[in-house]
Amino acid sequence: MGSVLFQFFNLILIIALFTVPIVITILLLRHFGKSKNMGENEDYLLQKIRELERRIDELENKY
């Protein structure tokens, strides 16, 4: 009887140890996956791309 109880508790422990990292990963992905202002990020990136294009044109014209 003792070995059955021991195996049962080991099974519960293994299930818990496998589910905890999965739950933590899901929570982290949800937290970091949320983009609060997607439009602002796109506008910022487009602005930076335009600035880089302008600087590239200046350097091409300079040399």
N, C-alpha and C. Protein backbone atom coordinates (compact mmCIF):
# COMPACT_ATOMS: atom_id res chain seq x y z
N MET A 1 0.83 -1.21 0.00
CA MET A 1 0.00 0.00 0.00
C MET A 1 0.86 1.25 0.00
N GLY A 2 1.98 1.19 0.70
CA GLY A 2 2.85 2.36 0.79
C GLY A 2 3.44 2.72 -0.56
N SER A 3 3.78 1.71 -1.37
CA SER A 3 4.39 2.01 -2.67
C SER A 3 3.37 2.62 -3.63
N VAL A 4 2.10 2.22 -3.51
CA VAL A 4 1.07 2.81 -4.37
C VAL A 4 0.88 4.27 -4.01
N LEU A 5 0.87 4.57 -2.73
CA LEU A 5 0.73 5.95 -2.27
C LEU A 5 1.94 6.78 -2.71
N PHE A 6 3.12 6.20 -2.60
CA PHE A 6 4.34 6.87 -3.02
C PHE A 6 4.30 7.17 -4.53
N GLN A 7 3.87 6.22 -5.33
CA GLN A 7 3.78 6.42 -6.77
C GLN A 7 2.73 7.47 -7.13
N PHE A 8 1.63 7.48 -6.38
CA PHE A 8 0.58 8.47 -6.62
C PHE A 8 1.11 9.88 -6.34
N PHE A 9 1.80 10.07 -5.23
CA PHE A 9 2.35 11.39 -4.91
C PHE A 9 3.44 11.79 -5.90
N ASN A 10 4.22 10.82 -6.36
CA ASN A 10 5.22 11.12 -7.39
C ASN A 10 4.55 11.58 -8.68
N LEU A 11 3.45 10.94 -9.04
CA LEU A 11 2.71 11.33 -10.24
C LEU A 11 2.18 12.75 -10.11
N ILE A 12 1.62 13.08 -8.96
CA ILE A 12 1.12 14.44 -8.71
C ILE A 12 2.26 15.44 -8.78
N LEU A 13 3.40 15.09 -8.20
CA LEU A 13 4.56 15.99 -8.21
C LEU A 13 5.06 16.22 -9.64
N ILE A 14 5.15 15.18 -10.43
CA ILE A 14 5.62 15.31 -11.81
C ILE A 14 4.65 16.16 -12.63
N ILE A 15 3.36 15.94 -12.46
CA ILE A 15 2.36 16.75 -13.18
C ILE A 15 2.49 18.21 -12.80
N ALA A 16 2.66 18.48 -11.51
CA ALA A 16 2.81 19.87 -11.05
C ALA A 16 4.08 20.49 -11.61
N LEU A 17 5.17 19.74 -11.61
CA LEU A 17 6.43 20.28 -12.10
C LEU A 17 6.40 20.55 -13.60
N PHE A 18 5.62 19.79 -14.34
CA PHE A 18 5.51 20.04 -15.78
C PHE A 18 4.53 21.16 -16.10
N THR A 19 3.52 21.37 -15.29
CA THR A 19 2.53 22.40 -15.61
C THR A 19 2.97 23.79 -15.18
N VAL A 20 3.78 23.90 -14.14
CA VAL A 20 4.19 25.23 -13.66
C VAL A 20 4.96 26.00 -14.74
N PRO A 21 5.97 25.44 -15.39
CA PRO A 21 6.65 26.22 -16.44
C PRO A 21 5.75 26.57 -17.61
N ILE A 22 4.82 25.70 -17.93
CA ILE A 22 3.89 25.99 -19.03
C ILE A 22 3.00 27.17 -18.67
N VAL A 23 2.50 27.19 -17.46
CA VAL A 23 1.64 28.29 -17.01
C VAL A 23 2.44 29.59 -16.97
N ILE A 24 3.65 29.54 -16.46
CA ILE A 24 4.49 30.75 -16.40
C ILE A 24 4.77 31.26 -17.81
N THR A 25 5.07 30.37 -18.73
CA THR A 25 5.33 30.77 -20.11
C THR A 25 4.12 31.43 -20.74
N ILE A 26 2.96 30.86 -20.53
CA ILE A 26 1.73 31.43 -21.09
C ILE A 26 1.47 32.82 -20.51
N LEU A 27 1.66 32.97 -19.20
CA LEU A 27 1.45 34.28 -18.58
C LEU A 27 2.44 35.31 -19.10
N LEU A 28 3.70 34.92 -19.25
CA LEU A 28 4.70 35.85 -19.77
C LEU A 28 4.41 36.24 -21.22
N LEU A 29 4.00 35.28 -22.03
CA LEU A 29 3.67 35.60 -23.42
C LEU A 29 2.47 36.53 -23.50
N ARG A 30 1.50 36.33 -22.65
CA ARG A 30 0.35 37.23 -22.65
C ARG A 30 0.75 38.63 -22.22
N HIS A 31 1.62 38.70 -21.21
CA HIS A 31 2.03 40.01 -20.69
C HIS A 31 2.86 40.78 -21.71
N PHE A 32 3.86 40.12 -22.30
CA PHE A 32 4.74 40.81 -23.23
C PHE A 32 4.17 40.88 -24.63
N GLY A 33 3.18 40.07 -24.93
CA GLY A 33 2.59 40.07 -26.26
C GLY A 33 1.61 41.22 -26.47
N LYS A 34 1.15 41.80 -25.38
CA LYS A 34 0.20 42.90 -25.50
C LYS A 34 0.92 44.17 -25.93
N SER A 35 0.42 44.75 -26.99
CA SER A 35 0.95 46.03 -27.43
C SER A 35 -0.12 47.07 -27.17
N LYS A 36 0.20 48.01 -26.31
CA LYS A 36 -0.80 48.98 -25.89
C LYS A 36 -1.15 49.96 -27.01
N ASN A 37 -0.13 50.46 -27.67
CA ASN A 37 -0.37 51.45 -28.71
C ASN A 37 0.30 50.99 -30.00
N MET A 38 -0.35 50.09 -30.70
CA MET A 38 0.23 49.54 -31.92
C MET A 38 0.37 50.62 -32.98
N GLY A 39 -0.58 51.50 -33.08
CA GLY A 39 -0.52 52.57 -34.06
C GLY A 39 0.64 53.50 -33.82
N GLU A 40 0.91 53.83 -32.57
CA GLU A 40 2.03 54.70 -32.24
C GLU A 40 3.35 54.04 -32.59
N ASN A 41 3.46 52.75 -32.32
CA ASN A 41 4.68 52.03 -32.65
C ASN A 41 4.93 52.02 -34.15
N GLU A 42 3.88 51.81 -34.93
CA GLU A 42 4.03 51.81 -36.38
C GLU A 42 4.43 53.19 -36.89
N ASP A 43 3.81 54.23 -36.35
CA ASP A 43 4.15 55.59 -36.76
C ASP A 43 5.60 55.91 -36.42
N TYR A 44 6.04 55.49 -35.24
CA TYR A 44 7.42 55.73 -34.82
C TYR A 44 8.39 55.02 -35.75
N LEU A 45 8.10 53.77 -36.07
CA LEU A 45 8.98 53.02 -36.97
C LEU A 45 9.02 53.62 -38.36
N LEU A 46 7.86 54.04 -38.86
CA LEU A 46 7.83 54.68 -40.18
C LEU A 46 8.63 55.98 -40.18
N GLN A 47 8.53 56.74 -39.11
CA GLN A 47 9.29 57.98 -39.00
C GLN A 47 10.79 57.69 -39.02
N LYS A 48 11.21 56.69 -38.28
CA LYS A 48 12.63 56.33 -38.25
C LYS A 48 13.11 55.83 -39.62
N ILE A 49 12.27 55.08 -40.31
CA ILE A 49 12.64 54.60 -41.65
C ILE A 49 12.81 55.78 -42.60
N ARG A 50 11.90 56.75 -42.52
CA ARG A 50 12.01 57.93 -43.39
C ARG A 50 13.28 58.72 -43.08
N GLU A 51 13.61 58.85 -41.78
CA GLU A 51 14.84 59.55 -41.42
C GLU A 51 16.06 58.83 -41.97
N LEU A 52 16.07 57.52 -41.88
CA LEU A 52 17.20 56.75 -42.41
C LEU A 52 17.30 56.88 -43.92
N GLU A 53 16.17 56.86 -44.60
CA GLU A 53 16.19 57.03 -46.05
C GLU A 53 16.74 58.41 -46.42
N ARG A 54 16.34 59.43 -45.68
CA ARG A 54 16.83 60.78 -45.93
C ARG A 54 18.34 60.84 -45.71
N ARG A 55 18.82 60.23 -44.64
CA ARG A 55 20.26 60.24 -44.36
C ARG A 55 21.04 59.46 -45.42
N ILE A 56 20.46 58.37 -45.90
CA ILE A 56 21.12 57.60 -46.96
C ILE A 56 21.22 58.44 -48.23
N ASP A 57 20.14 59.13 -48.57
CA ASP A 57 20.16 60.00 -49.75
C ASP A 57 21.22 61.09 -49.62
N GLU A 58 21.32 61.68 -48.42
CA GLU A 58 22.33 62.72 -48.19
C GLU A 58 23.73 62.16 -48.37
N LEU A 59 23.97 60.98 -47.84
CA LEU A 59 25.30 60.37 -47.97
C LEU A 59 25.60 59.98 -49.41
N GLU A 60 24.59 59.50 -50.14
CA GLU A 60 24.81 59.16 -51.55
C GLU A 60 25.13 60.40 -52.37
N ASN A 61 24.45 61.50 -52.08
CA ASN A 61 24.70 62.73 -52.82
C ASN A 61 26.04 63.35 -52.44
N LYS A 62 26.46 63.12 -51.21
CA LYS A 62 27.72 63.69 -50.74
C LYS A 62 28.91 63.02 -51.40
N TYR A 63 28.84 61.74 -51.64
CA TYR A 63 29.98 60.99 -52.20
C TYR A 63 29.73 60.60 -53.60
